């Protein structure tokens, strides 16, 4: 009888360990995903700023014609 209690306690402990591991793995996955998204947003902002600078540098303002 005591071995059944010991086995059930061990099984419960293993189950609890697996649950904690699952929660920790999910937390790590979500943190990595958020970090990846933040990096993509940062890089996108840098690229858009560079494209805007390049577009402004290549387009020269036209001089207005004077009507006489």
PDB file of N, CA and C in Angstrom:
ATOM      1  N   UNK A   1       0.816  -1.185   0.000  1.00  0.00           N
ATOM      2  CA  UNK A   1       0.000   0.000   0.000  1.00  0.00           C
ATOM      3  C   UNK A   1       0.864   1.254   0.000  1.00  0.00           C
ATOM      4  N   UNK A   2       1.945   1.243   0.755  1.00  0.00           N
ATOM      5  CA  UNK A   2       2.791   2.430   0.828  1.00  0.00           C
ATOM      6  C   UNK A   2       3.515   2.674  -0.500  1.00  0.00           C
ATOM      7  N   UNK A   3       3.800   1.599  -1.234  1.00  0.00           N
ATOM      8  CA  UNK A   3       4.460   1.792  -2.521  1.00  0.00           C
ATOM      9  C   UNK A   3       3.515   2.450  -3.521  1.00  0.00           C
ATOM     10  N   UNK A   4       2.213   2.180  -3.421  1.00  0.00           N
ATOM     11  CA  UNK A   4       1.251   2.826  -4.313  1.00  0.00           C
ATOM     12  C   UNK A   4       1.188   4.318  -4.022  1.00  0.00           C
ATOM     13  N   UNK A   5       1.241   4.673  -2.706  1.00  0.00           N
ATOM     14  CA  UNK A   5       1.228   6.094  -2.349  1.00  0.00           C
ATOM     15  C   UNK A   5       2.503   6.764  -2.843  1.00  0.00           C
ATOM     16  N   UNK A   6       3.619   6.086  -2.696  1.00  0.00           N
ATOM     17  CA  UNK A   6       4.893   6.631  -3.144  1.00  0.00           C
ATOM     18  C   UNK A   6       4.880   6.820  -4.656  1.00  0.00           C
ATOM     19  N   UNK A   7       4.354   5.845  -5.368  1.00  0.00           N
ATOM     20  CA  UNK A   7       4.285   5.953  -6.820  1.00  0.00           C
ATOM     21  C   UNK A   7       3.357   7.085  -7.247  1.00  0.00           C
ATOM     22  N   UNK A   8       2.255   7.244  -6.558  1.00  0.00           N
ATOM     23  CA  UNK A   8       1.327   8.299  -6.938  1.00  0.00           C
ATOM     24  C   UNK A   8       1.920   9.675  -6.614  1.00  0.00           C
ATOM     25  N   UNK A   9       2.661   9.750  -5.501  1.00  0.00           N
ATOM     26  CA  UNK A   9       3.328  11.011  -5.171  1.00  0.00           C
ATOM     27  C   UNK A   9       4.412  11.321  -6.206  1.00  0.00           C
ATOM     28  N   UNK A  10       5.151  10.314  -6.590  1.00  0.00           N
ATOM     29  CA  UNK A  10       6.203  10.513  -7.591  1.00  0.00           C
ATOM     30  C   UNK A  10       5.586  10.908  -8.930  1.00  0.00           C
ATOM     31  N   UNK A  11       4.483  10.277  -9.282  1.00  0.00           N
ATOM     32  CA  UNK A  11       3.809  10.616 -10.533  1.00  0.00           C
ATOM     33  C   UNK A  11       3.271  12.036 -10.485  1.00  0.00           C
ATOM     34  N   UNK A  12       2.731  12.422  -9.354  1.00  0.00           N
ATOM     35  CA  UNK A  12       2.214  13.785  -9.203  1.00  0.00           C
ATOM     36  C   UNK A  12       3.349  14.797  -9.274  1.00  0.00           C
ATOM     37  N   UNK A  13       4.484  14.450  -8.673  1.00  0.00           N
ATOM     38  CA  UNK A  13       5.645  15.347  -8.721  1.00  0.00           C
ATOM     39  C   UNK A  13       6.156  15.492 -10.146  1.00  0.00           C
ATOM     40  N   UNK A  14       6.211  14.390 -10.871  1.00  0.00           N
ATOM     41  CA  UNK A  14       6.654  14.443 -12.265  1.00  0.00           C
ATOM     42  C   UNK A  14       5.693  15.271 -13.107  1.00  0.00           C
ATOM     43  N   UNK A  15       4.418  15.085 -12.856  1.00  0.00           N
ATOM     44  CA  UNK A  15       3.409  15.845 -13.590  1.00  0.00           C
ATOM     45  C   UNK A  15       3.551  17.335 -13.300  1.00  0.00           C
ATOM     46  N   UNK A  16       3.777  17.692 -12.050  1.00  0.00           N
ATOM     47  CA  UNK A  16       3.958  19.092 -11.673  1.00  0.00           C
ATOM     48  C   UNK A  16       5.224  19.658 -12.327  1.00  0.00           C
ATOM     49  N   UNK A  17       6.294  18.871 -12.368  1.00  0.00           N
ATOM     50  CA  UNK A  17       7.532  19.311 -13.015  1.00  0.00           C
ATOM     51  C   UNK A  17       7.305  19.566 -14.499  1.00  0.00           C
ATOM     52  N   UNK A  18       6.590  18.659 -15.142  1.00  0.00           N
ATOM     53  CA  UNK A  18       6.303  18.838 -16.573  1.00  0.00           C
ATOM     54  C   UNK A  18       5.459  20.086 -16.815  1.00  0.00           C
ATOM     55  N   UNK A  19       4.509  20.333 -15.937  1.00  0.00           N
ATOM     56  CA  UNK A  19       3.658  21.523 -16.068  1.00  0.00           C
ATOM     57  C   UNK A  19       4.491  22.795 -15.916  1.00  0.00           C
ATOM     58  N   UNK A  20       5.401  22.806 -14.925  1.00  0.00           N
ATOM     59  CA  UNK A  20       6.280  23.971 -14.749  1.00  0.00           C
ATOM     60  C   UNK A  20       7.179  24.159 -15.969  1.00  0.00           C
ATOM     61  N   UNK A  21       7.718  23.060 -16.494  1.00  0.00           N
ATOM     62  CA  UNK A  21       8.558  23.140 -17.690  1.00  0.00           C
ATOM     63  C   UNK A  21       7.773  23.680 -18.877  1.00  0.00           C
ATOM     64  N   UNK A  22       6.518  23.232 -18.996  1.00  0.00           N
ATOM     65  CA  UNK A  22       5.670  23.700 -20.092  1.00  0.00           C
ATOM     66  C   UNK A  22       5.425  25.197 -19.985  1.00  0.00           C
ATOM     67  N   UNK A  23       5.139  25.658 -18.793  1.00  0.00           N
ATOM     68  CA  UNK A  23       4.879  27.091 -18.578  1.00  0.00           C
ATOM     69  C   UNK A  23       6.143  27.905 -18.865  1.00  0.00           C
ATOM     70  N   UNK A  24       7.280  27.413 -18.395  1.00  0.00           N
ATOM     71  CA  UNK A  24       8.542  28.122 -18.629  1.00  0.00           C
ATOM     72  C   UNK A  24       8.894  28.147 -20.118  1.00  0.00           C
ATOM     73  N   UNK A  25       8.673  27.055 -20.806  1.00  0.00           N
ATOM     74  CA  UNK A  25       8.962  26.999 -22.243  1.00  0.00           C
ATOM     75  C   UNK A  25       8.061  27.961 -23.010  1.00  0.00           C
ATOM     76  N   UNK A  26       6.805  28.038 -22.622  1.00  0.00           N
ATOM     77  CA  UNK A  26       5.883  28.956 -23.283  1.00  0.00           C
ATOM     78  C   UNK A  26       6.288  30.398 -23.013  1.00  0.00           C
ATOM     79  N   UNK A  27       6.696  30.694 -21.799  1.00  0.00           N
ATOM     80  CA  UNK A  27       7.141  32.042 -21.439  1.00  0.00           C
ATOM     81  C   UNK A  27       8.377  32.417 -22.266  1.00  0.00           C
ATOM     82  N   UNK A  28       9.327  31.497 -22.393  1.00  0.00           N
ATOM     83  CA  UNK A  28      10.532  31.746 -23.188  1.00  0.00           C
ATOM     84  C   UNK A  28      10.181  31.967 -24.662  1.00  0.00           C
ATOM     85  N   UNK A  29       9.285  31.140 -25.179  1.00  0.00           N
ATOM     86  CA  UNK A  29       8.859  31.259 -26.576  1.00  0.00           C
ATOM     87  C   UNK A  29       8.221  32.621 -26.828  1.00  0.00           C
ATOM     88  N   UNK A  30       7.335  33.042 -25.931  1.00  0.00           N
ATOM     89  CA  UNK A  30       6.666  34.331 -26.109  1.00  0.00           C
ATOM     90  C   UNK A  30       7.653  35.487 -25.994  1.00  0.00           C
ATOM     91  N   UNK A  31       8.616  35.381 -25.077  1.00  0.00           N
ATOM     92  CA  UNK A  31       9.623  36.437 -24.930  1.00  0.00           C
ATOM     93  C   UNK A  31      10.479  36.543 -26.192  1.00  0.00           C
ATOM     94  N   UNK A  32      10.865  35.401 -26.752  1.00  0.00           N
ATOM     95  CA  UNK A  32      11.649  35.412 -27.995  1.00  0.00           C
ATOM     96  C   UNK A  32      10.838  35.989 -29.148  1.00  0.00           C
ATOM     97  N   UNK A  33       9.564  35.652 -29.204  1.00  0.00           N
ATOM     98  CA  UNK A  33       8.707  36.162 -30.266  1.00  0.00           C
ATOM     99  C   UNK A  33       8.564  37.681 -30.148  1.00  0.00           C
ATOM    100  N   UNK A  34       8.362  38.190 -28.935  1.00  0.00           N
ATOM    101  CA  UNK A  34       8.251  39.635 -28.738  1.00  0.00           C
ATOM    102  C   UNK A  34       9.563  40.339 -29.084  1.00  0.00           C
ATOM    103  N   UNK A  35      10.687  39.743 -28.710  1.00  0.00           N
ATOM    104  CA  UNK A  35      11.983  40.333 -29.031  1.00  0.00           C
ATOM    105  C   UNK A  35      12.194  40.361 -30.543  1.00  0.00           C
ATOM    106  N   UNK A  36      11.806  39.292 -31.224  1.00  0.00           N
ATOM    107  CA  UNK A  36      11.941  39.225 -32.685  1.00  0.00           C
ATOM    108  C   UNK A  36      11.056  40.277 -33.350  1.00  0.00           C
ATOM    109  N   UNK A  37       9.825  40.436 -32.868  1.00  0.00           N
ATOM    110  CA  UNK A  37       8.924  41.439 -33.433  1.00  0.00           C
ATOM    111  C   UNK A  37       9.442  42.849 -33.187  1.00  0.00           C
ATOM    112  N   UNK A  38       9.984  43.099 -31.992  1.00  0.00           N
ATOM    113  CA  UNK A  38      10.535  44.419 -31.690  1.00  0.00           C
ATOM    114  C   UNK A  38      11.722  44.713 -32.602  1.00  0.00           C
ATOM    115  N   UNK A  39      12.554  43.720 -32.843  1.00  0.00           N
ATOM    116  CA  UNK A  39      13.702  43.910 -33.730  1.00  0.00           C
ATOM    117  C   UNK A  39      13.236  44.169 -35.158  1.00  0.00           C
ATOM    118  N   UNK A  40      12.210  43.443 -35.607  1.00  0.00           N
ATOM    119  CA  UNK A  40      11.686  43.670 -36.961  1.00  0.00           C
ATOM    120  C   UNK A  40      11.123  45.075 -37.088  1.00  0.00           C
ATOM    121  N   UNK A  41      10.411  45.548 -36.061  1.00  0.00           N
ATOM    122  CA  UNK A  41       9.854  46.901 -36.107  1.00  0.00           C
ATOM    123  C   UNK A  41      10.970  47.943 -36.134  1.00  0.00           C
ATOM    124  N   UNK A  42      12.024  47.709 -35.361  1.00  0.00           N
ATOM    125  CA  UNK A  42      13.158  48.631 -35.340  1.00  0.00           C
ATOM    126  C   UNK A  42      13.836  48.686 -36.702  1.00  0.00           C
ATOM    127  N   UNK A  43      14.076  47.514 -37.284  1.00  0.00           N
ATOM    128  CA  UNK A  43      14.721  47.461 -38.592  1.00  0.00           C
ATOM    129  C   UNK A  43      13.834  48.071 -39.672  1.00  0.00           C
ATOM    130  N   UNK A  44      12.535  47.840 -39.589  1.00  0.00           N
ATOM    131  CA  UNK A  44      11.603  48.419 -40.558  1.00  0.00           C
ATOM    132  C   UNK A  44      11.623  49.943 -40.479  1.00  0.00           C
ATOM    133  N   UNK A  45      11.639  50.472 -39.249  1.00  0.00           N
ATOM    134  CA  UNK A  45      11.681  51.931 -39.075  1.00  0.00           C
ATOM    135  C   UNK A  45      12.979  52.497 -39.646  1.00  0.00           C
ATOM    136  N   UNK A  46      14.082  51.805 -39.416  1.00  0.00           N
ATOM    137  CA  UNK A  46      15.359  52.259 -39.976  1.00  0.00           C
ATOM    138  C   UNK A  46      15.331  52.227 -41.504  1.00  0.00           C
ATOM    139  N   UNK A  47      14.776  51.158 -42.066  1.00  0.00           N
ATOM    140  CA  UNK A  47      14.708  51.043 -43.527  1.00  0.00           C
ATOM    141  C   UNK A  47      13.818  52.132 -44.115  1.00  0.00           C
ATOM    142  N   UNK A  48      12.669  52.370 -43.506  1.00  0.00           N
ATOM    143  CA  UNK A  48      11.772  53.402 -44.024  1.00  0.00           C
ATOM    144  C   UNK A  48      12.411  54.790 -43.932  1.00  0.00           C
ATOM    145  N   UNK A  49      13.119  55.050 -42.843  1.00  0.00           N
ATOM    146  CA  UNK A  49      13.799  56.339 -42.703  1.00  0.00           C
ATOM    147  C   UNK A  49      14.881  56.490 -43.769  1.00  0.00           C
ATOM    148  N   UNK A  50      15.617  55.423 -44.035  1.00  0.00           N
ATOM    149  CA  UNK A  50      16.662  55.467 -45.066  1.00  0.00           C
ATOM    150  C   UNK A  50      16.045  55.675 -46.440  1.00  0.00           C
ATOM    151  N   UNK A  51      14.952  54.961 -46.730  1.00  0.00           N
ATOM    152  CA  UNK A  51      14.293  55.130 -48.021  1.00  0.00           C
ATOM    153  C   UNK A  51      13.768  56.555 -48.179  1.00  0.00           C
ATOM    154  N   UNK A  52      13.271  57.130 -47.100  1.00  0.00           N
ATOM    155  CA  UNK A  52      12.764  58.510 -47.161  1.00  0.00           C
ATOM    156  C   UNK A  52      13.918  59.478 -47.432  1.00  0.00           C
ATOM    157  N   UNK A  53      15.042  59.281 -46.739  1.00  0.00           N
ATOM    158  CA  UNK A  53      16.213  60.129 -46.974  1.00  0.00           C
ATOM    159  C   UNK A  53      16.706  59.992 -48.403  1.00  0.00           C
ATOM    160  N   UNK A  54      16.768  58.755 -48.891  1.00  0.00           N
ATOM    161  CA  UNK A  54      17.233  58.522 -50.257  1.00  0.00           C
ATOM    162  C   UNK A  54      16.296  59.160 -51.271  1.00  0.00           C
ATOM    163  N   UNK A  55      15.002  59.066 -51.031  1.00  0.00           N
ATOM    164  CA  UNK A  55      14.033  59.653 -51.954  1.00  0.00           C
ATOM    165  C   UNK A  55      14.143  61.176 -51.957  1.00  0.00           C
ATOM    166  N   UNK A  56      14.361  61.765 -50.806  1.00  0.00           N
ATOM    167  CA  UNK A  56      14.502  63.211 -50.730  1.00  0.00           C
ATOM    168  C   UNK A  56      15.802  63.666 -51.385  1.00  0.00           C
ATOM    169  N   UNK A  57      16.834  62.881 -51.287  1.00  0.00           N
ATOM    170  CA  UNK A  57      18.124  63.247 -51.869  1.00  0.00           C
ATOM    171  C   UNK A  57      18.091  63.153 -53.391  1.00  0.00           C
ATOM    172  N   UNK A  58      17.321  62.214 -53.929  1.00  0.00           N
ATOM    173  CA  UNK A  58      17.298  62.034 -55.377  1.00  0.00           C
ATOM    174  C   UNK A  58      16.337  62.980 -56.067  1.00  0.00           C
ATOM    175  N   UNK A  59      15.300  63.413 -55.366  1.00  0.00           N
ATOM    176  CA  UNK A  59      14.359  64.337 -55.987  1.00  0.00           C
ATOM    177  C   UNK A  59      14.798  65.756 -55.685  1.00  0.00           C
ATOM    178  N   UNK A  60      15.024  66.506 -56.736  1.00  0.00           N
ATOM    179  CA  UNK A  60      15.406  67.905 -56.554  1.00  0.00           C
ATOM    180  C   UNK A  60      14.167  68.752 -56.754  1.00  0.00           C
ATOM    181  N   UNK A  61      14.007  69.741 -55.946  1.00  0.00           N
ATOM    182  CA  UNK A  61      12.821  70.587 -56.108  1.00  0.00           C
ATOM    183  C   UNK A  61      12.892  71.363 -57.426  1.00  0.00           C
ATOM    184  N   UNK A  62      11.776  71.451 -58.098  1.00  0.00           N
ATOM    185  CA  UNK A  62      11.711  72.180 -59.368  1.00  0.00           C
ATOM    186  C   UNK A  62      11.596  73.668 -59.072  1.00  0.00           C
ATOM    187  N   UNK A  63      12.253  74.426 -59.927  1.00  0.00           N
ATOM    188  CA  UNK A  63      12.140  75.864 -59.751  1.00  0.00           C
ATOM    189  C   UNK A  63      10.873  76.337 -60.461  1.00  0.00           C
ATOM    190  N   UNK A  64      10.178  77.191 -59.804  1.00  0.00           N
ATOM    191  CA  UNK A  64       8.922  77.694 -60.377  1.00  0.00           C
ATOM    192  C   UNK A  64       9.245  78.650 -61.532  1.00  0.00           C
ATOM    193  N   UNK A  65       8.472  78.537 -62.604  1.00  0.00           N
ATOM    194  CA  UNK A  65       8.640  79.436 -63.752  1.00  0.00           C
ATOM    195  C   UNK A  65       7.962  80.756 -63.421  1.00  0.00           C
ATOM    196  N   UNK A  66       8.639  81.797 -63.831  1.00  0.00           N
ATOM    197  CA  UNK A  66       8.061  83.123 -63.600  1.00  0.00           C
ATOM    198  C   UNK A  66       7.255  83.526 -64.826  1.00  0.00           C
ATOM    199  N   UNK A  67       6.039  83.907 -64.626  1.00  0.00           N
ATOM    200  CA  UNK A  67       5.200  84.412 -65.708  1.00  0.00           C
ATOM    201  C   UNK A  67       5.422  85.920 -65.817  1.00  0.00           C
ATOM    202  N   UNK A  68       5.688  86.377 -67.044  1.00  0.00           N
ATOM    203  CA  UNK A  68       5.940  87.805 -67.226  1.00  0.00           C
ATOM    204  C   UNK A  68       4.845  88.445 -67.983  1.00  0.00           C
TER     205      UNK A  68
END
